[in-house]
Every structure is written in structure tokens, then in C-alpha cells.
Amino acid sequence: MTPFGQALRMLRERKGVSQKEMAAAIGVSPAYLSALEHGKRGRPNFDLLQRIAGYFNIIWDEAEELFLVAGMSDPRVVLDTSGLPPQYTALANALAHRIRSLPPNVINELNSVLEKAK
């Protein structure tokens, strides 16, 4: 599941609607909506994000947060390290090969390091 999928499921459950009901209301198939929630599809386009925000009637700040989460939720990330020193490429590849086996505490530590580097 992606961060967007998790946020979408929480919004849907908070409203008390099924995937089928929501999918019909925003003009997508239930299978597509399920794939979005489970991180099996890439991030949704701007038009779909607007339909989702309208469906939930969320305020601008909450909609903006949803859009940001969607932007960080592409399950097929590509890192371009061309032109960077070799250690950058090595790090990107090591992370790509090991990400599925990293425990949550290591992921949290890595996120913490990235936050500090901002």
C-alpha cells in the first residue's frame, strides 16, 4: 500500500462507503480504485485527484495534503543518478535491492536522516 492508498482508504472508511460506491461516484472502475488503494497503480492524475477531493468535500488544506501524498506515492520509483558521484548510484542500487527486506525501524531511521538533510 502507498501513502496515497492508505489516505484514500481512510477517507473512504471515514465516509462509510464501499469501493464500488466511490468508484461509481468518481467515474472509475472498482478494480482501478482497489489497485490505487493497494499501490498496484501509479499515482492518479490531477483530474482524478480533484474528483476525489470533491467527492469527499474536503477543504483546500486537506486537499492539498492529499495531492502531496499522491505525489509521493508512485510505487515504481525511478532514480536518475547520472552525473552524480559513484557512491550516489551505489546507494540508489543498494536501496532498490534491499528495500523489501528492510524492517520498519530502519525505514524510520532512513526517513529521519532524510528529514535532517533538508
N, C-alpha and C. Protein backbone atom coordinates (compact mmCIF):
# COMPACT_ATOMS: atom_id res chain seq x y z
N MET A 1 0.85 -1.18 0.00
CA MET A 1 0.00 0.00 0.00
C MET A 1 0.89 1.24 0.00
N THR A 2 0.48 2.25 -0.74
CA THR A 2 1.21 3.51 -0.78
C THR A 2 0.64 4.48 0.24
N PRO A 3 1.35 5.57 0.53
CA PRO A 3 0.77 6.58 1.43
C PRO A 3 -0.57 7.12 0.89
N PHE A 4 -0.66 7.29 -0.43
CA PHE A 4 -1.91 7.76 -1.01
C PHE A 4 -3.01 6.72 -0.84
N GLY A 5 -2.69 5.46 -1.09
CA GLY A 5 -3.66 4.38 -0.92
C GLY A 5 -4.20 4.33 0.49
N GLN A 6 -3.31 4.49 1.44
CA GLN A 6 -3.71 4.49 2.85
C GLN A 6 -4.62 5.68 3.15
N ALA A 7 -4.24 6.87 2.65
CA ALA A 7 -5.06 8.06 2.89
C ALA A 7 -6.43 7.92 2.23
N LEU A 8 -6.46 7.38 1.03
CA LEU A 8 -7.72 7.18 0.31
C LEU A 8 -8.62 6.21 1.05
N ARG A 9 -8.06 5.12 1.52
CA ARG A 9 -8.86 4.14 2.26
C ARG A 9 -9.42 4.77 3.54
N MET A 10 -8.60 5.55 4.24
CA MET A 10 -9.07 6.19 5.47
C MET A 10 -10.22 7.16 5.18
N LEU A 11 -10.09 7.95 4.11
CA LEU A 11 -11.17 8.87 3.73
C LEU A 11 -12.44 8.09 3.41
N ARG A 12 -12.29 7.03 2.65
CA ARG A 12 -13.44 6.23 2.24
C ARG A 12 -14.12 5.58 3.44
N GLU A 13 -13.32 5.02 4.34
CA GLU A 13 -13.88 4.37 5.52
C GLU A 13 -14.53 5.39 6.45
N ARG A 14 -13.93 6.58 6.54
CA ARG A 14 -14.50 7.64 7.39
C ARG A 14 -15.88 8.06 6.87
N LYS A 15 -16.02 8.05 5.55
CA LYS A 15 -17.33 8.40 4.94
C LYS A 15 -18.29 7.21 4.97
N GLY A 16 -17.75 6.01 5.19
CA GLY A 16 -18.60 4.82 5.27
C GLY A 16 -19.11 4.34 3.92
N VAL A 17 -18.28 4.44 2.90
CA VAL A 17 -18.69 3.98 1.57
C VAL A 17 -17.77 2.86 1.10
N SER A 18 -18.32 2.02 0.25
CA SER A 18 -17.55 0.92 -0.30
C SER A 18 -16.73 1.42 -1.49
N GLN A 19 -15.78 0.60 -1.91
CA GLN A 19 -15.01 0.93 -3.11
C GLN A 19 -15.94 1.05 -4.31
N LYS A 20 -16.91 0.15 -4.38
CA LYS A 20 -17.84 0.14 -5.51
C LYS A 20 -18.65 1.43 -5.56
N GLU A 21 -19.14 1.88 -4.42
CA GLU A 21 -19.91 3.12 -4.38
C GLU A 21 -19.06 4.32 -4.78
N MET A 22 -17.87 4.40 -4.21
CA MET A 22 -16.99 5.52 -4.50
C MET A 22 -16.55 5.51 -5.96
N ALA A 23 -16.21 4.34 -6.47
CA ALA A 23 -15.76 4.22 -7.86
C ALA A 23 -16.85 4.73 -8.81
N ALA A 24 -18.09 4.35 -8.57
CA ALA A 24 -19.18 4.80 -9.42
C ALA A 24 -19.35 6.31 -9.35
N ALA A 25 -19.18 6.86 -8.17
CA ALA A 25 -19.37 8.30 -7.98
C ALA A 25 -18.28 9.14 -8.64
N ILE A 26 -17.05 8.62 -8.71
CA ILE A 26 -15.96 9.41 -9.29
C ILE A 26 -15.61 8.98 -10.71
N GLY A 27 -16.32 7.99 -11.23
CA GLY A 27 -16.15 7.60 -12.62
C GLY A 27 -14.97 6.72 -12.94
N VAL A 28 -14.65 5.80 -12.02
CA VAL A 28 -13.60 4.80 -12.29
C VAL A 28 -14.16 3.43 -11.95
N SER A 29 -13.45 2.40 -12.34
CA SER A 29 -13.92 1.06 -12.00
C SER A 29 -13.52 0.71 -10.57
N PRO A 30 -14.29 -0.16 -9.92
CA PRO A 30 -13.91 -0.61 -8.58
C PRO A 30 -12.53 -1.28 -8.58
N ALA A 31 -12.20 -1.97 -9.66
CA ALA A 31 -10.88 -2.63 -9.74
C ALA A 31 -9.76 -1.60 -9.74
N TYR A 32 -9.96 -0.49 -10.47
CA TYR A 32 -8.94 0.57 -10.50
C TYR A 32 -8.79 1.20 -9.12
N LEU A 33 -9.91 1.47 -8.46
CA LEU A 33 -9.87 2.07 -7.13
C LEU A 33 -9.16 1.13 -6.15
N SER A 34 -9.44 -0.15 -6.24
CA SER A 34 -8.77 -1.13 -5.39
C SER A 34 -7.27 -1.14 -5.67
N ALA A 35 -6.90 -1.09 -6.95
CA ALA A 35 -5.48 -1.08 -7.31
C ALA A 35 -4.79 0.18 -6.78
N LEU A 36 -5.48 1.32 -6.80
CA LEU A 36 -4.91 2.55 -6.23
C LEU A 36 -4.67 2.39 -4.73
N GLU A 37 -5.67 1.85 -4.04
CA GLU A 37 -5.55 1.68 -2.59
C GLU A 37 -4.43 0.71 -2.22
N HIS A 38 -4.22 -0.31 -3.05
CA HIS A 38 -3.22 -1.32 -2.74
C HIS A 38 -1.84 -1.03 -3.33
N GLY A 39 -1.68 0.13 -3.98
CA GLY A 39 -0.39 0.51 -4.52
C GLY A 39 0.00 -0.25 -5.77
N LYS A 40 -0.98 -0.78 -6.47
CA LYS A 40 -0.70 -1.53 -7.69
C LYS A 40 -0.78 -0.64 -8.94
N ARG A 41 -1.19 0.60 -8.77
CA ARG A 41 -1.26 1.57 -9.85
C ARG A 41 -0.43 2.78 -9.47
N GLY A 42 0.06 3.47 -10.48
CA GLY A 42 0.83 4.69 -10.25
C GLY A 42 -0.04 5.77 -9.65
N ARG A 43 0.58 6.89 -9.39
CA ARG A 43 -0.20 7.96 -8.77
C ARG A 43 -1.28 8.46 -9.73
N PRO A 44 -2.41 8.87 -9.17
CA PRO A 44 -3.52 9.33 -10.00
C PRO A 44 -3.21 10.70 -10.62
N ASN A 45 -3.86 11.00 -11.73
CA ASN A 45 -3.65 12.31 -12.36
C ASN A 45 -4.43 13.39 -11.61
N PHE A 46 -4.14 14.64 -11.99
CA PHE A 46 -4.72 15.78 -11.30
C PHE A 46 -6.25 15.77 -11.37
N ASP A 47 -6.80 15.41 -12.52
CA ASP A 47 -8.24 15.37 -12.69
C ASP A 47 -8.89 14.41 -11.69
N LEU A 48 -8.32 13.21 -11.56
CA LEU A 48 -8.88 12.24 -10.62
C LEU A 48 -8.73 12.72 -9.18
N LEU A 49 -7.61 13.34 -8.87
CA LEU A 49 -7.42 13.88 -7.52
C LEU A 49 -8.48 14.93 -7.20
N GLN A 50 -8.81 15.77 -8.19
CA GLN A 50 -9.85 16.77 -7.97
C GLN A 50 -11.22 16.11 -7.76
N ARG A 51 -11.51 15.06 -8.51
CA ARG A 51 -12.78 14.35 -8.32
C ARG A 51 -12.85 13.71 -6.93
N ILE A 52 -11.73 13.16 -6.48
CA ILE A 52 -11.70 12.54 -5.15
C ILE A 52 -11.91 13.61 -4.08
N ALA A 53 -11.21 14.73 -4.20
CA ALA A 53 -11.37 15.82 -3.22
C ALA A 53 -12.81 16.33 -3.21
N GLY A 54 -13.40 16.46 -4.39
CA GLY A 54 -14.79 16.90 -4.47
C GLY A 54 -15.75 15.89 -3.88
N TYR A 55 -15.48 14.62 -4.13
CA TYR A 55 -16.35 13.56 -3.61
C TYR A 55 -16.38 13.59 -2.08
N PHE A 56 -15.22 13.81 -1.48
CA PHE A 56 -15.17 13.84 -0.02
C PHE A 56 -15.46 15.23 0.54
N ASN A 57 -15.62 16.21 -0.37
CA ASN A 57 -15.92 17.58 0.05
C ASN A 57 -14.92 18.06 1.11
N ILE A 58 -13.64 17.85 0.80
CA ILE A 58 -12.62 18.23 1.77
C ILE A 58 -12.15 19.66 1.51
N ILE A 59 -11.74 20.33 2.56
CA ILE A 59 -11.30 21.72 2.46
C ILE A 59 -9.95 21.78 1.74
N TRP A 60 -9.60 22.97 1.27
CA TRP A 60 -8.41 23.15 0.44
C TRP A 60 -7.14 22.61 1.10
N ASP A 61 -6.93 22.89 2.39
CA ASP A 61 -5.71 22.42 3.06
C ASP A 61 -5.62 20.90 3.05
N GLU A 62 -6.73 20.25 3.32
CA GLU A 62 -6.76 18.79 3.33
C GLU A 62 -6.58 18.23 1.91
N ALA A 63 -7.16 18.92 0.93
CA ALA A 63 -6.99 18.50 -0.47
C ALA A 63 -5.54 18.66 -0.90
N GLU A 64 -4.91 19.75 -0.50
CA GLU A 64 -3.50 19.97 -0.84
C GLU A 64 -2.62 18.88 -0.24
N GLU A 65 -2.92 18.48 0.98
CA GLU A 65 -2.18 17.39 1.62
C GLU A 65 -2.37 16.08 0.86
N LEU A 66 -3.60 15.82 0.42
CA LEU A 66 -3.88 14.62 -0.36
C LEU A 66 -3.09 14.63 -1.67
N PHE A 67 -3.00 15.79 -2.32
CA PHE A 67 -2.25 15.92 -3.56
C PHE A 67 -0.76 15.68 -3.32
N LEU A 68 -0.24 16.19 -2.21
CA LEU A 68 1.18 15.97 -1.88
C LEU A 68 1.46 14.49 -1.61
N VAL A 69 0.57 13.85 -0.88
CA VAL A 69 0.72 12.43 -0.59
C VAL A 69 0.68 11.62 -1.89
N ALA A 70 -0.21 12.01 -2.80
CA ALA A 70 -0.30 11.32 -4.09
C ALA A 70 1.00 11.46 -4.86
N GLY A 71 1.61 12.64 -4.80
CA GLY A 71 2.87 12.87 -5.49
C GLY A 71 4.02 12.04 -4.97
N MET A 72 3.90 11.60 -3.72
CA MET A 72 4.95 10.78 -3.11
C MET A 72 4.59 9.31 -3.09
N SER A 73 3.62 8.91 -3.89
CA SER A 73 3.09 7.55 -3.78
C SER A 73 3.23 6.71 -5.03
N ASP A 74 4.09 7.09 -5.94
CA ASP A 74 4.28 6.25 -7.13
C ASP A 74 5.02 4.99 -6.70
N PRO A 75 4.42 3.80 -6.87
CA PRO A 75 5.06 2.58 -6.40
C PRO A 75 6.24 2.12 -7.26
N ARG A 76 6.44 2.77 -8.41
CA ARG A 76 7.55 2.40 -9.30
C ARG A 76 8.46 3.60 -9.47
N VAL A 77 9.30 3.83 -8.51
CA VAL A 77 10.17 4.99 -8.48
C VAL A 77 11.39 4.77 -9.37
N VAL A 78 11.78 5.81 -10.09
CA VAL A 78 12.99 5.78 -10.90
C VAL A 78 13.93 6.86 -10.38
N LEU A 79 15.15 6.48 -10.08
CA LEU A 79 16.15 7.43 -9.61
C LEU A 79 17.17 7.66 -10.71
N ASP A 80 17.39 8.92 -11.05
CA ASP A 80 18.38 9.27 -12.06
C ASP A 80 19.63 9.76 -11.35
N THR A 81 20.67 8.96 -11.35
CA THR A 81 21.92 9.35 -10.70
C THR A 81 22.99 9.72 -11.72
N SER A 82 22.59 9.89 -12.98
CA SER A 82 23.58 10.26 -13.99
C SER A 82 24.20 11.60 -13.64
N GLY A 83 25.52 11.65 -13.76
CA GLY A 83 26.25 12.88 -13.44
C GLY A 83 26.61 13.03 -11.98
N LEU A 84 26.17 12.12 -11.16
CA LEU A 84 26.50 12.17 -9.73
C LEU A 84 27.69 11.27 -9.45
N PRO A 85 28.37 11.48 -8.33
CA PRO A 85 29.49 10.60 -7.97
C PRO A 85 29.03 9.14 -7.82
N PRO A 86 29.94 8.19 -8.00
CA PRO A 86 29.59 6.76 -7.97
C PRO A 86 28.87 6.31 -6.70
N GLN A 87 29.20 6.89 -5.56
CA GLN A 87 28.57 6.44 -4.32
C GLN A 87 27.05 6.72 -4.30
N TYR A 88 26.61 7.73 -5.05
CA TYR A 88 25.18 8.01 -5.14
C TYR A 88 24.47 6.88 -5.89
N THR A 89 25.06 6.46 -6.98
CA THR A 89 24.49 5.37 -7.77
C THR A 89 24.51 4.07 -6.97
N ALA A 90 25.59 3.83 -6.25
CA ALA A 90 25.69 2.62 -5.42
C ALA A 90 24.60 2.61 -4.35
N LEU A 91 24.39 3.75 -3.71
CA LEU A 91 23.36 3.85 -2.67
C LEU A 91 21.97 3.60 -3.26
N ALA A 92 21.67 4.22 -4.40
CA ALA A 92 20.37 4.04 -5.03
C ALA A 92 20.12 2.57 -5.37
N ASN A 93 21.15 1.91 -5.90
CA ASN A 93 21.00 0.49 -6.24
C ASN A 93 20.89 -0.40 -5.02
N ALA A 94 21.66 -0.11 -3.99
CA ALA A 94 21.57 -0.89 -2.75
C ALA A 94 20.18 -0.78 -2.15
N LEU A 95 19.64 0.42 -2.14
CA LEU A 95 18.30 0.61 -1.59
C LEU A 95 17.26 -0.12 -2.45
N ALA A 96 17.41 -0.04 -3.77
CA ALA A 96 16.47 -0.74 -4.66
C ALA A 96 16.48 -2.25 -4.42
N HIS A 97 17.65 -2.81 -4.19
CA HIS A 97 17.76 -4.25 -3.99
C HIS A 97 17.29 -4.71 -2.61
N ARG A 98 17.39 -3.84 -1.63
CA ARG A 98 17.12 -4.26 -0.24
C ARG A 98 15.84 -3.72 0.36
N ILE A 99 15.17 -2.82 -0.31
CA ILE A 99 14.04 -2.12 0.32
C ILE A 99 12.97 -3.08 0.84
N ARG A 100 12.69 -4.15 0.14
CA ARG A 100 11.64 -5.08 0.57
C ARG A 100 11.99 -5.83 1.85
N SER A 101 13.27 -5.93 2.16
CA SER A 101 13.67 -6.69 3.33
C SER A 101 14.01 -5.81 4.54
N LEU A 102 13.91 -4.49 4.38
CA LEU A 102 14.24 -3.60 5.50
C LEU A 102 13.10 -3.57 6.51
N PRO A 103 13.42 -3.71 7.78
CA PRO A 103 12.38 -3.64 8.81
C PRO A 103 11.89 -2.20 8.99
N PRO A 104 10.70 -2.02 9.51
CA PRO A 104 10.13 -0.67 9.68
C PRO A 104 11.02 0.29 10.46
N ASN A 105 11.74 -0.20 11.48
CA ASN A 105 12.58 0.72 12.25
C ASN A 105 13.72 1.28 11.41
N VAL A 106 14.25 0.51 10.47
CA VAL A 106 15.30 1.00 9.58
C VAL A 106 14.72 2.03 8.62
N ILE A 107 13.54 1.78 8.10
CA ILE A 107 12.87 2.75 7.22
C ILE A 107 12.66 4.06 7.97
N ASN A 108 12.21 3.97 9.22
CA ASN A 108 12.01 5.17 10.03
C ASN A 108 13.32 5.92 10.25
N GLU A 109 14.39 5.20 10.50
CA GLU A 109 15.70 5.84 10.67
C GLU A 109 16.15 6.53 9.39
N LEU A 110 15.96 5.87 8.25
CA LEU A 110 16.34 6.48 6.97
C LEU A 110 15.51 7.73 6.70
N ASN A 111 14.22 7.67 6.98
CA ASN A 111 13.38 8.85 6.81
C ASN A 111 13.82 9.99 7.72
N SER A 112 14.22 9.65 8.93
CA SER A 112 14.72 10.65 9.87
C SER A 112 15.99 11.32 9.34
N VAL A 113 16.89 10.54 8.80
CA VAL A 113 18.12 11.08 8.22
C VAL A 113 17.79 12.02 7.06
N LEU A 114 16.86 11.61 6.21
CA LEU A 114 16.46 12.45 5.08
C LEU A 114 15.82 13.75 5.53
N GLU A 115 15.00 13.69 6.58
CA GLU A 115 14.39 14.90 7.12
C GLU A 115 15.44 15.86 7.63
N LYS A 116 16.45 15.35 8.31
CA LYS A 116 17.52 16.19 8.85
C LYS A 116 18.36 16.82 7.75
N ALA A 117 18.42 16.17 6.60
CA ALA A 117 19.24 16.66 5.49
C ALA A 117 18.55 17.74 4.67
N LYS A 118 17.32 18.04 4.96
CA LYS A 118 16.58 19.06 4.18
C LYS A 118 17.24 20.40 4.25
